[in-house]
Amino acid sequence: MKKSTVLGKLEKRIDEAFECLYEARDVLSNLDDPELDEAANAFVEEIEEHIAEGVEALQEVVDNILE
């Protein structure tokens, strides 16, 4: 499989994961509790950072393997 194809599919799935994460956060935000809303947003931000770091690492591995 071409590197661009692999990276494109990876990006699509990561985007879908983000959408699910945001939907889960919205469930909590809809409870109209400021403390819960703040905690949910902090949780999402932390997960976003971890995912971004992981995606960078995966892209490097894919680049090295499919060169």
C-alpha atoms as a PDB file:
ATOM      1  CA  MET A   1       0.000   0.000   0.000  1.00  0.00           C
ATOM      2  CA  LYS A   2       1.248   3.487  -0.799  1.00  0.00           C
ATOM      3  CA  LYS A   3       2.423   5.709   2.011  1.00  0.00           C
ATOM      4  CA  SER A   4      -0.071   8.425   1.093  1.00  0.00           C
ATOM      5  CA  THR A   5      -2.918   5.887   1.186  1.00  0.00           C
ATOM      6  CA  VAL A   6      -1.896   4.595   4.604  1.00  0.00           C
ATOM      7  CA  LEU A   7      -1.496   8.103   6.006  1.00  0.00           C
ATOM      8  CA  GLY A   8      -4.819   9.177   4.509  1.00  0.00           C
ATOM      9  CA  LYS A   9      -6.658   6.237   6.057  1.00  0.00           C
ATOM     10  CA  LEU A  10      -4.944   6.847   9.388  1.00  0.00           C
ATOM     11  CA  GLU A  11      -5.937  10.506   9.333  1.00  0.00           C
ATOM     12  CA  LYS A  12      -9.551   9.606   8.517  1.00  0.00           C
ATOM     13  CA  ARG A  13      -9.768   7.193  11.462  1.00  0.00           C
ATOM     14  CA  ILE A  14      -8.128   9.664  13.834  1.00  0.00           C
ATOM     15  CA  ASP A  15     -10.632  12.316  12.757  1.00  0.00           C
ATOM     16  CA  GLU A  16     -13.448   9.855  13.483  1.00  0.00           C
ATOM     17  CA  ALA A  17     -11.964   9.179  16.921  1.00  0.00           C
ATOM     18  CA  PHE A  18     -11.914  12.911  17.631  1.00  0.00           C
ATOM     19  CA  GLU A  19     -15.546  13.214  16.579  1.00  0.00           C
ATOM     20  CA  CYS A  20     -16.512  10.424  18.998  1.00  0.00           C
ATOM     21  CA  LEU A  21     -14.515  12.080  21.756  1.00  0.00           C
ATOM     22  CA  TYR A  22     -16.274  15.403  21.155  1.00  0.00           C
ATOM     23  CA  GLU A  23     -19.670  13.690  21.123  1.00  0.00           C
ATOM     24  CA  ALA A  24     -18.895  12.060  24.477  1.00  0.00           C
ATOM     25  CA  ARG A  25     -17.867  15.448  25.863  1.00  0.00           C
ATOM     26  CA  ASP A  26     -21.104  16.970  24.569  1.00  0.00           C
ATOM     27  CA  VAL A  27     -23.135  14.372  26.464  1.00  0.00           C
ATOM     28  CA  LEU A  28     -21.554  15.620  29.685  1.00  0.00           C
ATOM     29  CA  SER A  29     -21.777  19.278  28.664  1.00  0.00           C
ATOM     30  CA  ASN A  30     -25.512  18.940  28.116  1.00  0.00           C
ATOM     31  CA  LEU A  31     -25.981  18.252  31.829  1.00  0.00           C
ATOM     32  CA  ASP A  32     -25.498  21.984  32.488  1.00  0.00           C
ATOM     33  CA  ASP A  33     -23.068  21.458  35.345  1.00  0.00           C
ATOM     34  CA  PRO A  34     -20.137  23.906  35.086  1.00  0.00           C
ATOM     35  CA  GLU A  35     -17.794  21.691  37.118  1.00  0.00           C
ATOM     36  CA  LEU A  36     -18.568  18.636  35.002  1.00  0.00           C
ATOM     37  CA  ASP A  37     -18.246  20.690  31.828  1.00  0.00           C
ATOM     38  CA  GLU A  38     -14.824  21.945  32.904  1.00  0.00           C
ATOM     39  CA  ALA A  39     -13.682  18.434  33.805  1.00  0.00           C
ATOM     40  CA  ALA A  40     -14.924  17.060  30.479  1.00  0.00           C
ATOM     41  CA  ASN A  41     -13.114  19.790  28.537  1.00  0.00           C
ATOM     42  CA  ALA A  42      -9.888  19.174  30.464  1.00  0.00           C
ATOM     43  CA  PHE A  43     -10.195  15.453  29.771  1.00  0.00           C
ATOM     44  CA  VAL A  44     -10.722  16.046  26.053  1.00  0.00           C
ATOM     45  CA  GLU A  45      -7.740  18.405  25.862  1.00  0.00           C
ATOM     46  CA  GLU A  46      -5.523  15.833  27.536  1.00  0.00           C
ATOM     47  CA  ILE A  47      -6.659  13.076  25.187  1.00  0.00           C
ATOM     48  CA  GLU A  48      -6.167  15.378  22.168  1.00  0.00           C
ATOM     49  CA  GLU A  49      -2.556  15.974  23.199  1.00  0.00           C
ATOM     50  CA  HIS A  50      -1.863  12.264  23.636  1.00  0.00           C
ATOM     51  CA  ILE A  51      -3.454  11.415  20.305  1.00  0.00           C
ATOM     52  CA  ALA A  52      -1.463  14.140  18.526  1.00  0.00           C
ATOM     53  CA  GLU A  53       1.785  12.814  19.981  1.00  0.00           C
ATOM     54  CA  GLY A  54       0.868   9.251  19.034  1.00  0.00           C
ATOM     55  CA  VAL A  55      -0.093  10.222  15.506  1.00  0.00           C
ATOM     56  CA  GLU A  56       3.258  11.954  15.007  1.00  0.00           C
ATOM     57  CA  ALA A  57       5.078   8.830  16.184  1.00  0.00           C
ATOM     58  CA  LEU A  58       2.983   6.601  13.917  1.00  0.00           C
ATOM     59  CA  GLN A  59       3.574   8.862  10.928  1.00  0.00           C
ATOM     60  CA  GLU A  60       7.316   8.637  11.487  1.00  0.00           C
ATOM     61  CA  VAL A  61       7.167   4.842  11.607  1.00  0.00           C
ATOM     62  CA  VAL A  62       5.036   4.710   8.469  1.00  0.00           C
ATOM     63  CA  ASP A  63       7.460   7.088   6.737  1.00  0.00           C
ATOM     64  CA  ASN A  64      10.402   4.869   7.671  1.00  0.00           C
ATOM     65  CA  ILE A  65       8.731   1.607   6.686  1.00  0.00           C
ATOM     66  CA  LEU A  66       7.179   2.730   3.406  1.00  0.00           C
ATOM     67  CA  GLU A  67      10.043   4.766   1.990  1.00  0.00           C
END
